[in-house]
Amino acid sequence: MENKQPYLDTSIKLLFKELIEIYNIAYKELKPSVERIIKEKITNKDTIEDCLEKLLNIPTDACYKLFIKLCDYYARIDLSSSLEYLKIYEELYGEDDIKIKKKDYKPNL
């Protein structure tokens, strides 16, 4: 029986490397969108929520920071929807992780 472990290890490492690359590209594309929304004081909920939805799909610290930044901005427009997005984040990524981060979230209203 042939040992396929080295092949699997290499395949998994390559997969993770590609995934990280994809996350980095997505972050680089979303960061200007978040900054534009805030700088231009965009209040269109569809635009803001579309960006939040995209950020929810990228489980990195950098995207989490953008997500919180945009939630903070969105809270001034629609507090309940902003809090709902935080709840969705908690459901997706776990209660333990968000509890630590949520304590730092205080919307600037």
Protein backbone atom coordinates (compact mmCIF):
# COMPACT_ATOMS: atom_id res chain seq x y z
CA MET A 1 0.00 0.00 0.00
CA GLU A 2 1.41 3.33 -1.08
CA ASN A 3 1.72 6.14 1.46
CA LYS A 4 -0.16 9.17 0.11
CA GLN A 5 0.43 11.35 3.16
CA PRO A 6 3.20 13.54 1.64
CA TYR A 7 1.03 14.19 -1.42
CA LEU A 8 -1.95 15.13 0.78
CA ASP A 9 0.19 17.39 2.97
CA THR A 10 1.49 19.19 -0.11
CA SER A 11 -1.99 19.46 -1.63
CA ILE A 12 -3.44 20.88 1.57
CA LYS A 13 -0.61 23.38 1.90
CA LEU A 14 -1.12 24.52 -1.68
CA LEU A 15 -4.85 24.82 -1.13
CA PHE A 16 -4.35 26.97 1.96
CA LYS A 17 -1.79 29.10 0.16
CA GLU A 18 -4.29 29.73 -2.66
CA LEU A 19 -7.06 30.46 -0.18
CA ILE A 20 -4.90 33.02 1.63
CA GLU A 21 -4.09 34.62 -1.73
CA ILE A 22 -7.80 34.85 -2.53
CA TYR A 23 -8.50 36.41 0.89
CA ASN A 24 -5.72 38.96 0.36
CA ILE A 25 -7.08 39.91 -3.06
CA ALA A 26 -10.59 40.26 -1.65
CA TYR A 27 -9.31 42.44 1.19
CA LYS A 28 -7.45 44.70 -1.24
CA GLU A 29 -10.65 45.10 -3.26
CA LEU A 30 -12.97 45.65 -0.30
CA LYS A 31 -10.84 48.08 1.70
CA PRO A 32 -11.28 50.96 -0.79
CA SER A 33 -15.03 50.26 -0.89
CA VAL A 34 -15.33 50.53 2.89
CA GLU A 35 -13.23 53.69 2.92
CA ARG A 36 -15.30 55.23 0.10
CA ILE A 37 -18.60 54.45 1.84
CA ILE A 38 -17.40 56.14 5.01
CA LYS A 39 -15.57 59.06 3.37
CA GLU A 40 -18.45 59.89 1.04
CA LYS A 41 -21.00 59.30 3.80
CA ILE A 42 -22.96 56.88 1.66
CA THR A 43 -26.25 55.98 3.31
CA ASN A 44 -27.64 53.55 0.75
CA LYS A 45 -28.34 50.43 2.82
CA ASP A 46 -28.00 48.09 -0.16
CA THR A 47 -24.49 49.39 -0.87
CA ILE A 48 -23.42 49.10 2.76
CA GLU A 49 -24.99 45.69 3.29
CA ASP A 50 -23.50 44.33 0.07
CA CYS A 51 -20.06 45.26 1.36
CA LEU A 52 -20.81 43.77 4.80
CA GLU A 53 -21.97 40.53 3.15
CA LYS A 54 -18.72 40.28 1.23
CA LEU A 55 -16.69 40.93 4.37
CA LEU A 56 -18.59 38.18 6.19
CA ASN A 57 -17.20 35.70 3.68
CA ILE A 58 -13.56 36.43 4.48
CA PRO A 59 -12.55 35.10 7.90
CA THR A 60 -9.37 37.11 8.44
CA ASP A 61 -8.41 39.62 11.10
CA ALA A 62 -7.89 42.33 8.50
CA CYS A 63 -11.39 41.84 7.08
CA TYR A 64 -12.83 41.64 10.58
CA LYS A 65 -11.38 45.11 11.27
CA LEU A 66 -12.97 46.44 8.08
CA PHE A 67 -16.22 44.72 9.02
CA ILE A 68 -16.25 46.38 12.46
CA LYS A 69 -15.33 49.75 10.94
CA LEU A 70 -18.24 49.49 8.52
CA CYS A 71 -20.63 48.22 11.22
CA ASP A 72 -19.64 51.20 13.34
CA TYR A 73 -20.46 53.56 10.48
CA TYR A 74 -23.67 51.68 9.66
CA ALA A 75 -24.81 51.91 13.28
CA ARG A 76 -25.26 55.66 12.79
CA ILE A 77 -27.61 54.95 9.89
CA ASP A 78 -29.39 51.82 11.13
CA LEU A 79 -28.32 50.56 14.56
CA SER A 80 -30.53 47.46 14.57
CA SER A 81 -29.24 46.29 11.18
CA SER A 82 -25.66 46.92 12.23
CA LEU A 83 -26.17 44.83 15.36
CA GLU A 84 -27.83 42.14 13.26
CA TYR A 85 -24.67 41.88 11.16
CA LEU A 86 -22.62 41.45 14.32
CA LYS A 87 -25.00 38.67 15.34
CA ILE A 88 -24.54 37.01 11.93
CA TYR A 89 -20.77 37.23 12.36
CA GLU A 90 -21.10 35.57 15.77
CA GLU A 91 -23.23 32.77 14.29
CA LEU A 92 -20.75 32.18 11.48
CA TYR A 93 -17.51 32.32 13.43
CA GLY A 94 -18.47 31.31 16.92
CA GLU A 95 -19.60 32.92 20.10
CA ASP A 96 -16.29 32.57 21.95
CA ASP A 97 -14.35 34.47 19.31
CA ILE A 98 -16.84 37.30 18.97
CA LYS A 99 -17.21 37.84 22.73
CA ILE A 100 -13.62 38.94 22.92
CA LYS A 101 -14.01 41.28 19.97
CA LYS A 102 -17.55 42.48 20.76
CA LYS A 103 -16.43 44.08 24.02
CA ASP A 104 -14.43 46.55 21.92
CA TYR A 105 -17.40 47.38 19.69
CA LYS A 106 -19.09 50.55 20.76
CA PRO A 107 -20.82 52.32 17.90
CA ASN A 108 -19.99 55.99 17.64
CA LEU A 109 -23.47 57.41 17.37
